N, C-alpha and C. Protein backbone atom coordinates (compact mmCIF):
# COMPACT_ATOMS: atom_id res chain seq x y z
N MET A 1 -11.66 -5.50 28.25
CA MET A 1 -10.47 -6.15 29.41
C MET A 1 -11.78 -6.74 30.62
N SER A 2 -11.67 -7.88 31.08
CA SER A 2 -12.86 -8.70 31.83
C SER A 2 -12.42 -7.81 33.55
N SER A 3 -13.19 -7.79 34.26
CA SER A 3 -13.32 -7.46 35.75
C SER A 3 -12.39 -8.25 36.51
N ARG A 4 -12.44 -9.78 35.78
CA ARG A 4 -10.90 -10.35 36.97
C ARG A 4 -9.39 -10.07 36.56
N HIS A 5 -9.54 -9.87 34.96
CA HIS A 5 -8.34 -9.71 34.78
C HIS A 5 -7.10 -7.81 35.60
N ILE A 6 -8.24 -7.50 35.76
CA ILE A 6 -8.13 -6.19 36.22
C ILE A 6 -7.87 -6.73 37.46
N ILE A 7 -8.61 -7.45 38.34
CA ILE A 7 -8.47 -8.02 40.19
C ILE A 7 -7.11 -8.64 39.71
N ARG A 8 -7.07 -8.82 38.97
CA ARG A 8 -5.37 -10.40 38.81
C ARG A 8 -4.38 -9.49 38.63
N ARG A 9 -4.52 -8.22 38.12
CA ARG A 9 -3.60 -7.02 37.85
C ARG A 9 -3.28 -6.73 39.46
N TYR A 10 -4.49 -6.28 40.44
CA TYR A 10 -4.30 -6.03 41.47
C TYR A 10 -3.59 -6.71 42.23
N ILE A 11 -4.08 -8.07 42.16
CA ILE A 11 -3.35 -8.77 43.32
C ILE A 11 -1.51 -9.00 42.68
N LEU A 12 -1.49 -9.41 41.21
CA LEU A 12 -0.21 -9.28 40.94
C LEU A 12 0.75 -8.15 41.65
N GLU A 13 0.04 -6.87 41.66
CA GLU A 13 0.34 -5.76 42.28
C GLU A 13 0.89 -5.72 43.66
N THR A 14 -0.12 -6.48 44.42
CA THR A 14 -0.30 -6.91 45.69
C THR A 14 0.91 -7.60 45.84
N LEU A 15 1.38 -8.98 45.46
CA LEU A 15 2.17 -9.74 45.82
C LEU A 15 3.55 -9.37 45.74
N TYR A 16 3.18 -8.53 45.01
CA TYR A 16 4.67 -7.73 44.54
C TYR A 16 4.94 -7.11 45.51
N GLN A 17 4.55 -5.80 46.28
CA GLN A 17 4.10 -5.45 46.89
C GLN A 17 4.50 -5.65 48.65
N LEU A 18 4.31 -6.86 48.40
CA LEU A 18 4.38 -7.90 49.23
C LEU A 18 5.64 -8.41 49.86
N GLU A 19 6.56 -8.77 48.64
CA GLU A 19 7.53 -9.15 49.07
C GLU A 19 8.70 -7.83 49.58
N PHE A 20 8.36 -6.87 49.59
CA PHE A 20 8.74 -6.06 50.56
C PHE A 20 8.28 -5.66 51.99
N TYR A 21 7.43 -6.21 52.39
CA TYR A 21 6.51 -5.56 53.58
C TYR A 21 6.55 -6.38 54.76
N PRO A 22 6.91 -6.10 56.03
CA PRO A 22 7.01 -7.15 56.74
C PRO A 22 5.75 -7.75 57.10
N VAL A 23 5.33 -9.34 57.37
CA VAL A 23 4.46 -9.95 57.52
C VAL A 23 3.42 -8.45 58.48
N SER A 24 4.00 -8.10 58.97
CA SER A 24 2.44 -7.18 60.12
C SER A 24 2.07 -6.02 59.15
N GLU A 25 2.99 -5.78 58.45
CA GLU A 25 2.16 -4.71 57.58
C GLU A 25 1.02 -5.05 55.82
N HIS A 26 1.39 -7.26 56.07
CA HIS A 26 0.05 -7.17 55.50
C HIS A 26 -1.15 -7.10 54.84
N ARG A 27 -2.46 -6.66 55.65
CA ARG A 27 -3.15 -6.53 56.14
C ARG A 27 -3.03 -4.91 55.62
N ALA A 28 -2.41 -3.94 55.75
CA ALA A 28 -2.02 -2.52 54.97
C ALA A 28 -2.20 -2.46 53.27
N VAL A 29 -1.68 -3.20 53.09
CA VAL A 29 -1.71 -3.92 51.78
C VAL A 29 -2.23 -4.08 51.10
N TYR A 30 -3.33 -5.64 51.74
CA TYR A 30 -3.98 -5.51 50.97
C TYR A 30 -5.59 -4.98 50.97
N PHE A 31 -5.35 -4.30 52.73
CA PHE A 31 -6.65 -3.39 52.15
C PHE A 31 -5.91 -1.66 51.42
N ARG A 32 -5.22 -1.58 51.22
CA ARG A 32 -4.60 -0.47 50.35
C ARG A 32 -5.08 -0.28 48.51
N MET A 33 -4.78 -1.84 48.21
CA MET A 33 -5.33 -2.72 47.17
C MET A 33 -6.97 -2.66 46.98
N GLU A 34 -7.23 -3.54 47.38
CA GLU A 34 -8.96 -3.99 47.19
C GLU A 34 -9.94 -2.70 47.46
N ARG A 35 -9.29 -1.43 48.21
CA ARG A 35 -10.17 -0.41 47.91
C ARG A 35 -10.45 0.33 46.69
N LYS A 36 -9.95 -0.46 45.96
CA LYS A 36 -10.22 -0.13 43.96
C LYS A 36 -10.89 -0.82 43.84
N ILE A 37 -11.39 -1.40 44.70
CA ILE A 37 -12.24 -3.29 43.81
C ILE A 37 -13.56 -2.10 44.18
N LYS A 38 -14.66 -1.81 43.67
CA LYS A 38 -15.75 -1.45 43.67
C LYS A 38 -17.54 -2.30 44.54
N ASP A 39 -17.17 -3.46 43.39
CA ASP A 39 -18.69 -4.88 43.74
C ASP A 39 -17.91 -5.68 44.69
N LYS A 40 -18.54 -6.17 45.70
CA LYS A 40 -18.41 -6.99 46.58
C LYS A 40 -17.65 -8.45 45.73
N ASN A 41 -18.28 -9.26 44.62
CA ASN A 41 -17.84 -10.35 44.57
C ASN A 41 -16.18 -10.21 43.71
N GLY A 42 -15.83 -8.85 43.16
CA GLY A 42 -15.16 -8.56 43.12
C GLY A 42 -13.52 -8.67 43.92
N LYS A 43 -14.03 -7.94 45.02
CA LYS A 43 -13.33 -7.76 46.57
C LYS A 43 -13.41 -9.11 47.28
N LEU A 44 -13.95 -10.24 46.91
CA LEU A 44 -14.12 -11.46 47.39
C LEU A 44 -12.77 -12.46 46.60
N PHE A 45 -12.91 -12.46 45.37
CA PHE A 45 -12.11 -12.95 44.46
C PHE A 45 -10.46 -12.51 44.69
N PHE A 46 -11.02 -11.34 44.70
CA PHE A 46 -9.51 -10.67 45.37
C PHE A 46 -8.34 -11.59 46.74
N ARG A 47 -9.86 -11.11 47.24
CA ARG A 47 -9.50 -11.68 48.86
C ARG A 47 -8.67 -13.09 48.60
N SER A 48 -9.82 -13.79 48.13
CA SER A 48 -9.47 -15.41 47.71
C SER A 48 -8.27 -15.74 46.98
N LEU A 49 -8.01 -15.25 46.46
CA LEU A 49 -6.71 -15.15 45.80
C LEU A 49 -5.55 -14.91 45.76
N ALA A 50 -5.66 -13.75 46.30
CA ALA A 50 -4.23 -13.12 46.87
C ALA A 50 -3.87 -13.41 48.13
N GLU A 51 -4.67 -13.56 49.21
CA GLU A 51 -4.41 -14.65 50.98
C GLU A 51 -4.30 -15.75 50.73
N GLY A 52 -4.67 -16.61 49.20
CA GLY A 52 -4.36 -18.07 48.94
C GLY A 52 -3.33 -18.36 48.78
N VAL A 53 -2.77 -17.23 48.12
CA VAL A 53 -1.29 -17.47 47.18
C VAL A 53 -0.60 -17.18 48.45
N GLN A 54 -0.17 -15.81 49.57
CA GLN A 54 0.46 -15.77 50.65
C GLN A 54 0.88 -16.65 51.34
N ASN A 55 -1.02 -17.87 51.35
CA ASN A 55 -1.24 -18.70 52.87
C ASN A 55 -0.06 -19.89 52.45
N ASN A 56 -0.02 -20.19 51.08
CA ASN A 56 0.41 -21.48 50.60
C ASN A 56 2.04 -20.87 49.91
N LEU A 57 2.37 -20.15 50.19
CA LEU A 57 3.83 -19.85 49.53
C LEU A 57 4.65 -21.13 49.27
N GLY A 58 4.89 -21.69 50.32
CA GLY A 58 5.68 -22.83 50.78
C GLY A 58 5.36 -23.95 49.43
N GLN A 59 4.18 -24.39 49.50
CA GLN A 59 3.62 -25.14 48.51
C GLN A 59 3.71 -24.65 47.14
N LEU A 60 3.41 -24.02 47.17
CA LEU A 60 3.42 -23.04 45.72
C LEU A 60 4.94 -23.03 45.31
N ASN A 61 6.00 -22.37 46.26
CA ASN A 61 7.21 -22.46 46.03
C ASN A 61 7.66 -23.58 45.56
N LYS A 62 7.62 -25.50 46.16
CA LYS A 62 7.93 -26.57 45.92
C LYS A 62 8.05 -26.65 44.52
N MET A 63 6.69 -26.20 44.33
CA MET A 63 5.47 -26.95 42.93
C MET A 63 6.62 -26.22 41.52
N LEU A 64 6.57 -24.98 41.75
CA LEU A 64 7.31 -23.92 40.80
C LEU A 64 8.71 -24.73 40.65
N ASP A 65 9.78 -24.82 41.98
CA ASP A 65 10.75 -24.93 41.45
C ASP A 65 11.05 -26.14 41.05
N LYS A 66 9.50 -27.38 40.87
CA LYS A 66 9.64 -28.95 40.70
C LYS A 66 9.45 -28.27 39.21
N TYR A 67 9.11 -27.76 38.57
CA TYR A 67 8.70 -27.29 37.29
C TYR A 67 10.10 -26.65 36.43
N LEU A 68 10.78 -26.10 36.86
CA LEU A 68 11.26 -24.78 36.50
C LEU A 68 12.25 -25.63 35.91
N LYS A 69 13.39 -25.14 34.84
CA LYS A 69 13.91 -25.59 33.98
C LYS A 69 15.13 -25.68 34.56
N GLU A 70 16.30 -26.61 34.62
CA GLU A 70 17.60 -27.47 35.11
C GLU A 70 17.78 -25.76 35.65
N ASP A 71 18.66 -25.01 34.80
CA ASP A 71 19.01 -23.99 35.27
C ASP A 71 18.75 -22.79 35.70
N TRP A 72 17.82 -22.92 35.70
CA TRP A 72 16.72 -22.24 36.54
C TRP A 72 16.45 -22.29 37.99
N SER A 73 16.28 -21.14 39.02
CA SER A 73 15.53 -21.44 40.61
C SER A 73 14.70 -20.53 40.59
N LEU A 74 14.20 -20.02 42.25
CA LEU A 74 13.11 -19.50 42.83
C LEU A 74 13.73 -18.05 42.62
N GLU A 75 15.21 -18.05 42.85
CA GLU A 75 15.69 -16.61 42.96
C GLU A 75 15.91 -16.24 41.58
N ARG A 76 16.11 -16.85 40.80
CA ARG A 76 17.09 -16.52 39.07
C ARG A 76 15.37 -15.56 38.78
N LEU A 77 14.54 -16.03 39.32
CA LEU A 77 13.24 -15.50 38.74
C LEU A 77 13.11 -14.08 39.36
N SER A 78 12.52 -13.00 38.16
CA SER A 78 12.47 -11.52 38.75
C SER A 78 11.17 -11.42 39.34
N LEU A 79 10.72 -11.10 40.33
CA LEU A 79 9.63 -11.32 41.02
C LEU A 79 8.46 -10.80 40.40
N VAL A 80 8.03 -10.17 39.82
CA VAL A 80 7.21 -10.06 38.59
C VAL A 80 6.96 -11.41 38.49
N ASP A 81 7.65 -12.03 37.96
CA ASP A 81 6.97 -13.11 37.36
C ASP A 81 6.95 -14.45 38.68
N ARG A 82 8.08 -14.70 39.11
CA ARG A 82 7.83 -15.38 40.21
C ARG A 82 6.56 -15.08 40.80
N ALA A 83 5.65 -13.87 40.79
CA ALA A 83 4.47 -13.78 41.27
C ALA A 83 3.29 -14.13 40.18
N ILE A 84 3.72 -13.97 39.49
CA ILE A 84 2.51 -14.03 38.51
C ILE A 84 2.37 -16.02 38.14
N LEU A 85 3.75 -16.47 38.46
CA LEU A 85 3.60 -18.07 38.80
C LEU A 85 2.69 -18.39 39.40
N ARG A 86 3.09 -17.84 40.80
CA ARG A 86 2.43 -18.45 41.94
C ARG A 86 1.03 -18.02 41.91
N LEU A 87 0.48 -16.82 41.52
CA LEU A 87 -0.44 -16.38 40.80
C LEU A 87 -1.94 -17.62 40.75
N ALA A 88 -1.12 -18.10 39.07
CA ALA A 88 -1.89 -19.38 38.23
C ALA A 88 -1.19 -20.75 39.02
N ILE A 89 -0.48 -20.86 39.73
CA ILE A 89 0.02 -22.14 40.11
C ILE A 89 -0.99 -22.41 40.92
N TYR A 90 -1.57 -20.85 41.52
CA TYR A 90 -2.72 -21.18 43.13
C TYR A 90 -3.41 -21.86 42.50
N GLU A 91 -3.70 -20.71 41.29
CA GLU A 91 -5.78 -21.07 40.41
C GLU A 91 -5.62 -21.89 40.02
N LEU A 92 -4.58 -22.76 39.59
CA LEU A 92 -4.88 -23.90 38.66
C LEU A 92 -4.86 -24.88 40.11
N CYS A 93 -3.71 -25.23 40.69
CA CYS A 93 -3.83 -26.89 41.47
C CYS A 93 -4.48 -26.08 43.23
N LEU A 94 -4.10 -25.24 43.10
CA LEU A 94 -4.55 -25.13 44.79
C LEU A 94 -6.12 -25.04 45.25
N GLN A 95 -6.82 -23.72 44.38
CA GLN A 95 -7.82 -22.75 45.01
C GLN A 95 -8.76 -24.14 45.04
N ASN A 96 -9.30 -23.77 45.93
CA ASN A 96 -11.17 -24.86 46.18
C ASN A 96 -12.39 -24.32 46.05
N ASP A 97 -12.40 -23.59 45.23
CA ASP A 97 -13.49 -22.54 44.88
C ASP A 97 -14.18 -23.34 43.37
N THR A 98 -15.45 -23.82 43.98
CA THR A 98 -16.15 -24.62 42.90
C THR A 98 -16.51 -24.15 41.70
N SER A 99 -16.17 -22.50 41.26
CA SER A 99 -16.67 -21.90 40.46
C SER A 99 -14.99 -21.64 39.90
N LYS A 100 -14.18 -22.49 39.24
CA LYS A 100 -12.73 -22.38 39.52
C LYS A 100 -12.79 -21.98 37.94
N THR A 101 -11.53 -21.07 37.33
CA THR A 101 -11.59 -20.81 36.18
C THR A 101 -11.04 -22.17 35.41
N PRO A 102 -11.48 -22.48 34.39
CA PRO A 102 -10.29 -23.24 33.31
C PRO A 102 -9.01 -23.26 33.41
N PRO A 103 -8.10 -23.98 32.95
CA PRO A 103 -6.68 -23.88 32.77
C PRO A 103 -6.43 -23.20 32.25
N GLY A 104 -6.86 -22.97 30.48
CA GLY A 104 -6.29 -22.42 29.82
C GLY A 104 -7.15 -20.65 29.91
N VAL A 105 -7.73 -20.15 30.34
CA VAL A 105 -8.38 -19.09 30.87
C VAL A 105 -6.90 -18.58 32.04
N VAL A 106 -6.68 -19.21 33.21
CA VAL A 106 -6.03 -19.15 33.99
C VAL A 106 -4.59 -18.58 33.71
N ILE A 107 -3.72 -19.59 32.12
CA ILE A 107 -2.59 -19.89 31.36
C ILE A 107 -2.60 -18.27 30.85
N ASN A 108 -3.32 -18.30 29.89
CA ASN A 108 -4.46 -16.78 29.14
C ASN A 108 -3.79 -15.34 30.03
N GLU A 109 -4.47 -15.69 31.22
CA GLU A 109 -4.19 -14.56 32.06
C GLU A 109 -2.92 -14.38 32.62
N ALA A 110 -2.14 -14.89 33.27
CA ALA A 110 -0.85 -15.65 33.32
C ALA A 110 0.37 -14.85 32.31
N VAL A 111 -0.13 -15.40 31.06
CA VAL A 111 0.45 -14.88 29.54
C VAL A 111 0.96 -13.39 29.78
N GLU A 112 -0.69 -12.82 29.49
CA GLU A 112 -1.01 -11.50 29.53
C GLU A 112 -0.20 -10.51 30.45
N LEU A 113 -0.37 -10.94 32.35
CA LEU A 113 -0.02 -10.37 32.71
C LEU A 113 1.15 -10.50 32.78
N ALA A 114 2.21 -11.28 32.35
CA ALA A 114 4.01 -11.22 31.87
C ALA A 114 4.34 -10.34 30.47
N LYS A 115 3.25 -10.21 30.03
CA LYS A 115 3.48 -8.87 28.79
C LYS A 115 2.73 -7.85 28.88
N GLU A 116 2.31 -7.45 29.54
CA GLU A 116 2.17 -5.89 30.54
C GLU A 116 3.47 -5.59 31.37
N TYR A 117 3.18 -6.88 32.49
CA TYR A 117 4.12 -6.21 33.38
C TYR A 117 5.83 -6.71 33.48
N SER A 118 5.94 -7.44 32.40
CA SER A 118 7.20 -8.36 33.08
C SER A 118 8.63 -7.96 31.47
N ALA A 119 9.67 -8.65 31.30
CA ALA A 119 10.32 -8.67 30.65
C ALA A 119 9.58 -8.97 29.09
N GLU A 120 10.16 -8.60 27.91
CA GLU A 120 9.57 -9.53 26.47
C GLU A 120 9.53 -10.90 26.48
N GLU A 121 11.01 -10.95 27.12
CA GLU A 121 10.76 -13.30 26.53
C GLU A 121 9.62 -14.07 27.87
N SER A 122 8.88 -13.08 28.84
CA SER A 122 8.38 -13.53 30.40
C SER A 122 7.39 -14.43 29.35
N ALA A 123 6.86 -13.86 29.20
CA ALA A 123 5.62 -14.35 28.46
C ALA A 123 5.57 -16.01 28.03
N LYS A 124 6.48 -16.28 27.14
CA LYS A 124 6.64 -17.61 26.54
C LYS A 124 6.97 -18.05 27.94
N PHE A 125 8.41 -17.63 28.82
CA PHE A 125 9.21 -18.65 29.56
C PHE A 125 7.65 -19.16 30.48
N VAL A 126 7.01 -18.26 30.57
CA VAL A 126 5.71 -18.08 31.62
C VAL A 126 4.28 -19.21 30.90
N ASN A 127 3.93 -19.13 29.91
CA ASN A 127 3.38 -19.86 29.16
C ASN A 127 4.12 -21.50 29.42
N GLY A 128 4.97 -21.39 29.11
CA GLY A 128 5.82 -22.91 28.99
C GLY A 128 5.32 -23.63 30.28
N VAL A 129 6.53 -22.78 31.47
CA VAL A 129 6.53 -23.03 32.98
C VAL A 129 4.50 -24.23 32.69
N LEU A 130 3.91 -22.91 33.12
CA LEU A 130 2.48 -23.38 33.23
C LEU A 130 1.74 -24.16 32.14
N GLY A 131 2.37 -24.45 31.12
CA GLY A 131 1.72 -25.39 30.34
C GLY A 131 2.19 -27.26 31.23
N HIS A 132 3.56 -26.90 31.48
CA HIS A 132 4.12 -28.51 31.98
C HIS A 132 3.78 -28.50 33.15
N ILE A 133 3.06 -27.84 34.18
CA ILE A 133 2.56 -27.92 35.32
C ILE A 133 0.90 -28.29 34.72
N VAL A 134 -0.02 -28.64 34.00
CA VAL A 134 -1.11 -28.61 33.11
C VAL A 134 -0.71 -29.65 32.77
N ARG A 135 -0.47 -30.12 31.97
CA ARG A 135 0.03 -31.34 31.58
C ARG A 135 0.44 -32.37 32.98
N ASP A 136 1.41 -31.78 33.54
CA ASP A 136 1.63 -33.51 34.70
C ASP A 136 0.10 -33.52 35.55
N THR A 137 -0.32 -32.43 35.71
CA THR A 137 -1.66 -32.54 36.94
C THR A 137 -2.70 -32.75 36.66
N MET A 138 -3.41 -32.06 35.44
CA MET A 138 -4.76 -31.93 35.56
C MET A 138 -4.79 -33.38 34.08
N PRO A 139 -5.81 -33.92 34.73
CA PRO A 139 -6.49 -35.44 34.02
C PRO A 139 -7.14 -34.54 32.92
N ILE A 140 -6.78 -35.25 31.55
CA ILE A 140 -7.26 -34.96 30.16
C ILE A 140 -8.51 -35.46 30.22
N GLU A 141 -9.14 -34.30 29.85
CA GLU A 141 -10.78 -34.57 29.64
C GLU A 141 -11.33 -34.93 28.42
C-alpha cells in the first residue's frame, strides 16, 4: 500500500470529521491528523488536498450534483461517499499541482477508499460517478 493511499485515508478521515466541527476548529482537526504523517512531502500532499477540498466545497458540490443520477442528491449521499467523491473530483478537476495524479489512479484510489470505509455498493457508485466526470471533462489523449 502506497504512502499516498495512506495519506488519502487521513484526508478522508479529516474531511469526514470536518463535517461535525465548526470552521473555527478546522485547524485543530488538520493538525491532529497531520501529526500522523512523518515526511515533509506527505504533509504537503495532505495539506494541499485537504485544504483544497475545503476551500472549494461550493464548486465541488456543484460538479458533484451535476453528475449524480436523477434520483440522487448531495444530501442523500452518505458523509463518507460525499467526502470520497469531493476528494477525487478535486484531485481530478481542480488541483493545480504540476505533478498531478493520473485520472485512472485517482479513480482507483477513490474506489479503494469506498471499499474500505463505505457500504458494499459504494465502490461501484463512486466508480460510475467519477468515470462519467472523466469522460465529460478530460481530453481524450
